[in-house]
C-alpha atoms as a PDB file:
ATOM      1  CA  MET A   1     -33.546 -69.109   3.692  1.00  0.00           C
ATOM      2  CA  THR A   2     -36.852 -67.376   4.448  1.00  0.00           C
ATOM      3  CA  SER A   3     -39.538 -66.113   2.129  1.00  0.00           C
ATOM      4  CA  SER A   4     -42.160 -63.488   2.729  1.00  0.00           C
ATOM      5  CA  ILE A   5     -45.728 -64.548   3.396  1.00  0.00           C
ATOM      6  CA  THR A   6     -47.058 -61.941   0.968  1.00  0.00           C
ATOM      7  CA  PRO A   7     -45.245 -61.784  -2.376  1.00  0.00           C
ATOM      8  CA  ARG A   8     -43.956 -58.294  -3.073  1.00  0.00           C
ATOM      9  CA  ILE A   9     -44.737 -56.533  -6.312  1.00  0.00           C
ATOM     10  CA  VAL A  10     -42.285 -53.789  -5.379  1.00  0.00           C
ATOM     11  CA  PRO A  11     -38.994 -55.131  -4.009  1.00  0.00           C
ATOM     12  CA  ALA A  12     -38.248 -53.696  -0.587  1.00  0.00           C
ATOM     13  CA  ALA A  13     -35.197 -51.527  -0.364  1.00  0.00           C
ATOM     14  CA  PRO A  14     -32.896 -52.691   2.417  1.00  0.00           C
ATOM     15  CA  ALA A  15     -33.190 -50.582   5.550  1.00  0.00           C
ATOM     16  CA  GLY A  16     -30.896 -47.620   5.181  1.00  0.00           C
ATOM     17  CA  ASP A  17     -30.410 -48.175   1.424  1.00  0.00           C
ATOM     18  CA  GLN A  18     -28.906 -44.929   0.193  1.00  0.00           C
ATOM     19  CA  ASP A  19     -29.633 -45.818  -3.449  1.00  0.00           C
ATOM     20  CA  PHE A  20     -33.417 -45.860  -3.021  1.00  0.00           C
ATOM     21  CA  ASP A  21     -34.799 -42.497  -4.168  1.00  0.00           C
ATOM     22  CA  SER A  22     -38.093 -42.235  -2.301  1.00  0.00           C
ATOM     23  CA  ALA A  23     -38.960 -38.803  -3.725  1.00  0.00           C
ATOM     24  CA  SER A  24     -38.645 -40.087  -7.320  1.00  0.00           C
ATOM     25  CA  TYR A  25     -40.707 -43.140  -6.411  1.00  0.00           C
ATOM     26  CA  LEU A  26     -43.392 -40.887  -4.904  1.00  0.00           C
ATOM     27  CA  ARG A  27     -43.550 -38.809  -8.099  1.00  0.00           C
ATOM     28  CA  ARG A  28     -43.760 -42.004 -10.184  1.00  0.00           C
ATOM     29  CA  ILE A  29     -46.773 -43.249  -8.220  1.00  0.00           C
ATOM     30  CA  VAL A  30     -48.540 -39.906  -8.662  1.00  0.00           C
ATOM     31  CA  ARG A  31     -47.634 -39.736 -12.362  1.00  0.00           C
ATOM     32  CA  GLU A  32     -48.824 -43.289 -13.169  1.00  0.00           C
ATOM     33  CA  MET A  33     -51.926 -43.677 -10.967  1.00  0.00           C
ATOM     34  CA  ARG A  34     -55.308 -43.810 -12.687  1.00  0.00           C
ATOM     35  CA  VAL A  35     -57.622 -44.563  -9.753  1.00  0.00           C
ATOM     36  CA  CYS A  36     -57.458 -43.425  -6.170  1.00  0.00           C
ATOM     37  CA  ALA A  37     -59.442 -43.714  -2.983  1.00  0.00           C
ATOM     38  CA  LEU A  38     -60.929 -40.351  -1.993  1.00  0.00           C
ATOM     39  CA  ALA A  39     -61.841 -39.563   1.617  1.00  0.00           C
ATOM     40  CA  THR A  40     -63.967 -36.511   2.379  1.00  0.00           C
ATOM     41  CA  THR A  41     -65.968 -35.408   5.388  1.00  0.00           C
ATOM     42  CA  ASP A  42     -69.688 -36.023   4.968  1.00  0.00           C
ATOM     43  CA  SER A  43     -71.359 -32.614   4.895  1.00  0.00           C
ATOM     44  CA  GLN A  44     -74.465 -33.880   6.662  1.00  0.00           C
ATOM     45  CA  THR A  45     -73.133 -36.240   9.338  1.00  0.00           C
ATOM     46  CA  GLY A  46     -69.482 -35.219   9.793  1.00  0.00           C
ATOM     47  CA  TYR A  47     -68.358 -38.818   9.366  1.00  0.00           C
ATOM     48  CA  PRO A  48     -65.622 -39.816   6.909  1.00  0.00           C
ATOM     49  CA  TYR A  49     -66.902 -40.653   3.426  1.00  0.00           C
ATOM     50  CA  LEU A  50     -64.714 -42.894   1.250  1.00  0.00           C
ATOM     51  CA  THR A  51     -65.072 -43.633  -2.464  1.00  0.00           C
ATOM     52  CA  SER A  52     -63.006 -44.405  -5.565  1.00  0.00           C
ATOM     53  CA  VAL A  53     -62.417 -41.851  -8.311  1.00  0.00           C
ATOM     54  CA  ASN A  54     -60.623 -41.716 -11.647  1.00  0.00           C
ATOM     55  CA  ALA A  55     -57.432 -39.732 -11.254  1.00  0.00           C
ATOM     56  CA  ALA A  56     -54.383 -38.505 -13.151  1.00  0.00           C
ATOM     57  CA  ALA A  57     -51.496 -36.110 -12.682  1.00  0.00           C
ATOM     58  CA  ASN A  58     -51.218 -32.951 -14.709  1.00  0.00           C
ATOM     59  CA  ARG A  59     -47.947 -32.020 -16.395  1.00  0.00           C
ATOM     60  CA  ARG A  60     -46.828 -30.227 -13.206  1.00  0.00           C
ATOM     61  CA  GLY A  61     -47.377 -33.367 -11.112  1.00  0.00           C
ATOM     62  CA  GLN A  62     -50.540 -32.122  -9.415  1.00  0.00           C
ATOM     63  CA  VAL A  63     -53.280 -34.662  -8.745  1.00  0.00           C
ATOM     64  CA  LEU A  64     -56.500 -34.289 -10.748  1.00  0.00           C
ATOM     65  CA  PHE A  65     -59.628 -36.373 -10.163  1.00  0.00           C
ATOM     66  CA  LEU A  66     -63.137 -36.578 -11.598  1.00  0.00           C
ATOM     67  CA  THR A  67     -66.429 -36.475  -9.714  1.00  0.00           C
ATOM     68  CA  SER A  68     -70.085 -36.325 -10.680  1.00  0.00           C
ATOM     69  CA  LEU A  69     -71.756 -33.036  -9.773  1.00  0.00           C
ATOM     70  CA  VAL A  70     -74.459 -34.906  -7.840  1.00  0.00           C
ATOM     71  CA  ALA A  71     -72.167 -37.345  -5.994  1.00  0.00           C
ATOM     72  CA  PRO A  72     -71.954 -37.119  -2.191  1.00  0.00           C
ATOM     73  CA  HIS A  73     -68.193 -36.513  -2.323  1.00  0.00           C
ATOM     74  CA  SER A  74     -68.720 -33.484  -4.613  1.00  0.00           C
ATOM     75  CA  ARG A  75     -71.244 -32.054  -2.158  1.00  0.00           C
ATOM     76  CA  ASN A  76     -68.826 -32.756   0.688  1.00  0.00           C
ATOM     77  CA  MET A  77     -65.878 -30.991  -1.017  1.00  0.00           C
ATOM     78  CA  ARG A  78     -67.987 -27.946  -1.885  1.00  0.00           C
ATOM     79  CA  LYS A  79     -68.744 -27.534   1.831  1.00  0.00           C
ATOM     80  CA  ASP A  80     -65.327 -28.595   3.168  1.00  0.00           C
ATOM     81  CA  PRO A  81     -62.479 -28.889   0.613  1.00  0.00           C
ATOM     82  CA  ARG A  82     -60.191 -30.820   2.987  1.00  0.00           C
ATOM     83  CA  LEU A  83     -59.577 -34.403   1.882  1.00  0.00           C
ATOM     84  CA  SER A  84     -57.185 -37.301   1.625  1.00  0.00           C
ATOM     85  CA  ILE A  85     -56.527 -39.475  -1.379  1.00  0.00           C
ATOM     86  CA  MET A  86     -54.624 -42.735  -1.550  1.00  0.00           C
ATOM     87  CA  CYS A  87     -53.158 -43.857  -4.868  1.00  0.00           C
ATOM     88  CA  TYR A  88     -51.727 -47.263  -5.777  1.00  0.00           C
ATOM     89  CA  VAL A  89     -49.477 -48.335  -8.622  1.00  0.00           C
ATOM     90  CA  ASP A  90     -47.748 -51.683  -9.002  1.00  0.00           C
ATOM     91  CA  GLU A  91     -44.687 -52.436 -11.095  1.00  0.00           C
ATOM     92  CA  SER A  92     -46.838 -53.199 -14.151  1.00  0.00           C
ATOM     93  CA  GLY A  93     -48.371 -49.718 -13.888  1.00  0.00           C
ATOM     94  CA  GLU A  94     -51.743 -51.142 -12.878  1.00  0.00           C
ATOM     95  CA  SER A  95     -53.761 -49.306 -10.256  1.00  0.00           C
ATOM     96  CA  TRP A  96     -54.932 -51.389  -7.299  1.00  0.00           C
ATOM     97  CA  ALA A  97     -52.084 -53.899  -7.653  1.00  0.00           C
ATOM     98  CA  HIS A  98     -54.108 -56.758  -9.115  1.00  0.00           C
ATOM     99  CA  GLY A  99     -56.017 -57.245  -5.865  1.00  0.00           C
ATOM    100  CA  ARG A 100     -52.922 -57.022  -3.653  1.00  0.00           C
ATOM    101  CA  PRO A 101     -52.757 -53.321  -2.747  1.00  0.00           C
ATOM    102  CA  LEU A 102     -50.709 -53.820   0.426  1.00  0.00           C
ATOM    103  CA  THR A 103     -47.728 -55.116  -1.560  1.00  0.00           C
ATOM    104  CA  ALA A 104     -47.687 -52.198  -4.013  1.00  0.00           C
ATOM    105  CA  GLY A 105     -46.325 -48.692  -3.721  1.00  0.00           C
ATOM    106  CA  ARG A 106     -48.976 -46.335  -2.455  1.00  0.00           C
ATOM    107  CA  VAL A 107     -49.133 -42.746  -1.390  1.00  0.00           C
ATOM    108  CA  THR A 108     -51.603 -40.800   0.726  1.00  0.00           C
ATOM    109  CA  LEU A 109     -51.891 -37.090   0.056  1.00  0.00           C
ATOM    110  CA  SER A 110     -53.904 -34.759   2.286  1.00  0.00           C
ATOM    111  CA  GLY A 111     -54.850 -31.222   1.445  1.00  0.00           C
ATOM    112  CA  MET A 112     -57.420 -28.923  -0.111  1.00  0.00           C
ATOM    113  CA  ALA A 113     -59.241 -29.481  -3.398  1.00  0.00           C
ATOM    114  CA  HIS A 114     -60.831 -27.078  -5.829  1.00  0.00           C
ATOM    115  CA  VAL A 115     -62.564 -27.448  -9.178  1.00  0.00           C
ATOM    116  CA  THR A 116     -60.321 -26.728 -12.136  1.00  0.00           C
ATOM    117  CA  ASP A 117     -61.494 -25.907 -15.632  1.00  0.00           C
ATOM    118  CA  THR A 118     -58.231 -24.826 -17.208  1.00  0.00           C
ATOM    119  CA  PRO A 119     -57.770 -26.250 -20.697  1.00  0.00           C
ATOM    120  CA  GLU A 120     -54.365 -27.657 -19.681  1.00  0.00           C
ATOM    121  CA  ASP A 121     -55.789 -29.600 -16.712  1.00  0.00           C
ATOM    122  CA  ILE A 122     -58.699 -30.928 -18.771  1.00  0.00           C
ATOM    123  CA  GLU A 123     -56.307 -32.028 -21.526  1.00  0.00           C
ATOM    124  CA  ASP A 124     -53.966 -33.689 -19.024  1.00  0.00           C
ATOM    125  CA  PHE A 125     -56.811 -35.560 -17.308  1.00  0.00           C
ATOM    126  CA  LEU A 126     -58.313 -36.720 -20.592  1.00  0.00           C
ATOM    127  CA  SER A 127     -54.960 -37.886 -21.921  1.00  0.00           C
ATOM    128  CA  ALA A 128     -55.035 -40.475 -19.112  1.00  0.00           C
ATOM    129  CA  HIS A 129     -58.781 -41.192 -19.420  1.00  0.00           C
ATOM    130  CA  LYS A 130     -59.711 -40.883 -23.088  1.00  0.00           C
ATOM    131  CA  LYS A 131     -62.997 -42.785 -22.630  1.00  0.00           C
ATOM    132  CA  LEU A 132     -64.242 -40.102 -20.217  1.00  0.00           C
ATOM    133  CA  SER A 133     -64.008 -37.226 -22.718  1.00  0.00           C
ATOM    134  CA  VAL A 134     -67.726 -37.278 -23.574  1.00  0.00           C
ATOM    135  CA  ALA A 135     -68.716 -37.158 -19.893  1.00  0.00           C
ATOM    136  CA  VAL A 136     -66.299 -34.327 -19.148  1.00  0.00           C
ATOM    137  CA  LYS A 137     -67.203 -32.248 -22.205  1.00  0.00           C
ATOM    138  CA  ASN A 138     -70.988 -32.709 -21.881  1.00  0.00           C
ATOM    139  CA  GLY A 139     -71.154 -31.555 -18.274  1.00  0.00           C
ATOM    140  CA  GLY A 140     -72.399 -33.277 -15.171  1.00  0.00           C
ATOM    141  CA  PHE A 141     -68.831 -33.875 -13.966  1.00  0.00           C
ATOM    142  CA  SER A 142     -66.073 -31.743 -12.465  1.00  0.00           C
ATOM    143  CA  ILE A 143     -62.325 -32.152 -12.494  1.00  0.00           C
ATOM    144  CA  TRP A 144     -60.826 -31.295  -9.136  1.00  0.00           C
ATOM    145  CA  LYS A 145     -57.214 -30.401  -8.360  1.00  0.00           C
ATOM    146  CA  LEU A 146     -55.543 -31.253  -5.061  1.00  0.00           C
ATOM    147  CA  SER A 147     -53.287 -28.763  -3.302  1.00  0.00           C
ATOM    148  CA  PRO A 148     -51.401 -31.129  -0.990  1.00  0.00           C
ATOM    149  CA  GLN A 149     -50.537 -30.195   2.564  1.00  0.00           C
ATOM    150  CA  GLY A 150     -49.216 -33.574   3.661  1.00  0.00           C
ATOM    151  CA  VAL A 151     -47.793 -36.724   2.112  1.00  0.00           C
ATOM    152  CA  GLU A 152     -47.103 -40.256   3.308  1.00  0.00           C
ATOM    153  CA  MET A 153     -45.806 -43.085   1.168  1.00  0.00           C
ATOM    154  CA  MET A 154     -45.893 -46.788   1.864  1.00  0.00           C
ATOM    155  CA  GLY A 155     -44.687 -49.696  -0.237  1.00  0.00           C
ATOM    156  CA  GLY A 156     -44.460 -52.404   2.325  1.00  0.00           C
ATOM    157  CA  PRO A 157     -42.926 -52.043   5.779  1.00  0.00           C
ATOM    158  CA  ARG A 158     -39.467 -51.072   4.530  1.00  0.00           C
ATOM    159  CA  LEU A 159     -40.589 -48.278   2.232  1.00  0.00           C
ATOM    160  CA  ALA A 160     -41.944 -45.767   4.687  1.00  0.00           C
ATOM    161  CA  PRO A 161     -39.605 -42.828   4.149  1.00  0.00           C
ATOM    162  CA  GLU A 162     -39.975 -39.361   5.505  1.00  0.00           C
ATOM    163  CA  LEU A 163     -41.259 -37.238   2.626  1.00  0.00           C
ATOM    164  CA  ARG A 164     -42.267 -33.627   2.294  1.00  0.00           C
ATOM    165  CA  VAL A 165     -44.908 -31.981   0.112  1.00  0.00           C
ATOM    166  CA  GLU A 166     -41.980 -30.231  -1.598  1.00  0.00           C
ATOM    167  CA  ASP A 167     -40.944 -33.620  -2.987  1.00  0.00           C
ATOM    168  CA  LEU A 168     -43.943 -33.328  -5.344  1.00  0.00           C
ATOM    169  CA  LYS A 169     -42.975 -29.877  -6.671  1.00  0.00           C
ATOM    170  CA  ILE A 170     -42.599 -29.074 -10.351  1.00  0.00           C
ATOM    171  CA  SER A 171     -38.847 -28.587 -10.212  1.00  0.00           C
ATOM    172  CA  ASN A 172     -38.483 -32.069  -8.709  1.00  0.00           C
ATOM    173  CA  LEU A 173     -40.465 -33.941 -11.377  1.00  0.00           C
ATOM    174  CA  SER A 174     -38.433 -36.580 -13.096  1.00  0.00           C
END
């Protein structure tokens, strides 16, 4: 009997497992994430710029995230709205997998971002981040919404299914 070197938080589905619903798992990660890594293109140097941001999904399953108006990543997105985000959720619902992110389900979404100020998006973001309501309501921060163009999910070497952006769509939320 063999054991894995790295304990898995998310059990690996056997290769070819027809019962594993990767699209539902993708939507679950997006729905439950609270922090994500955000990669933008630095507006001054052209190099990648990576940071962490508070994030949540709105009721349609779209990714929302918060940035300071003066942060480099906000400046970068105003000049070039293309970005990638990577979100983690482990089986306990904790972002960043208790220090073991490579054993948790994670998804990378790439696309275009824009600032949103719709009451619904603000309410959805703040329902996940109640302690940030003062910062959001007093200004100095923006909530951004991602319009994904690409998606890749990973949850260990056996959970690397082919997914489409359509798998995130409203009608597919479960």
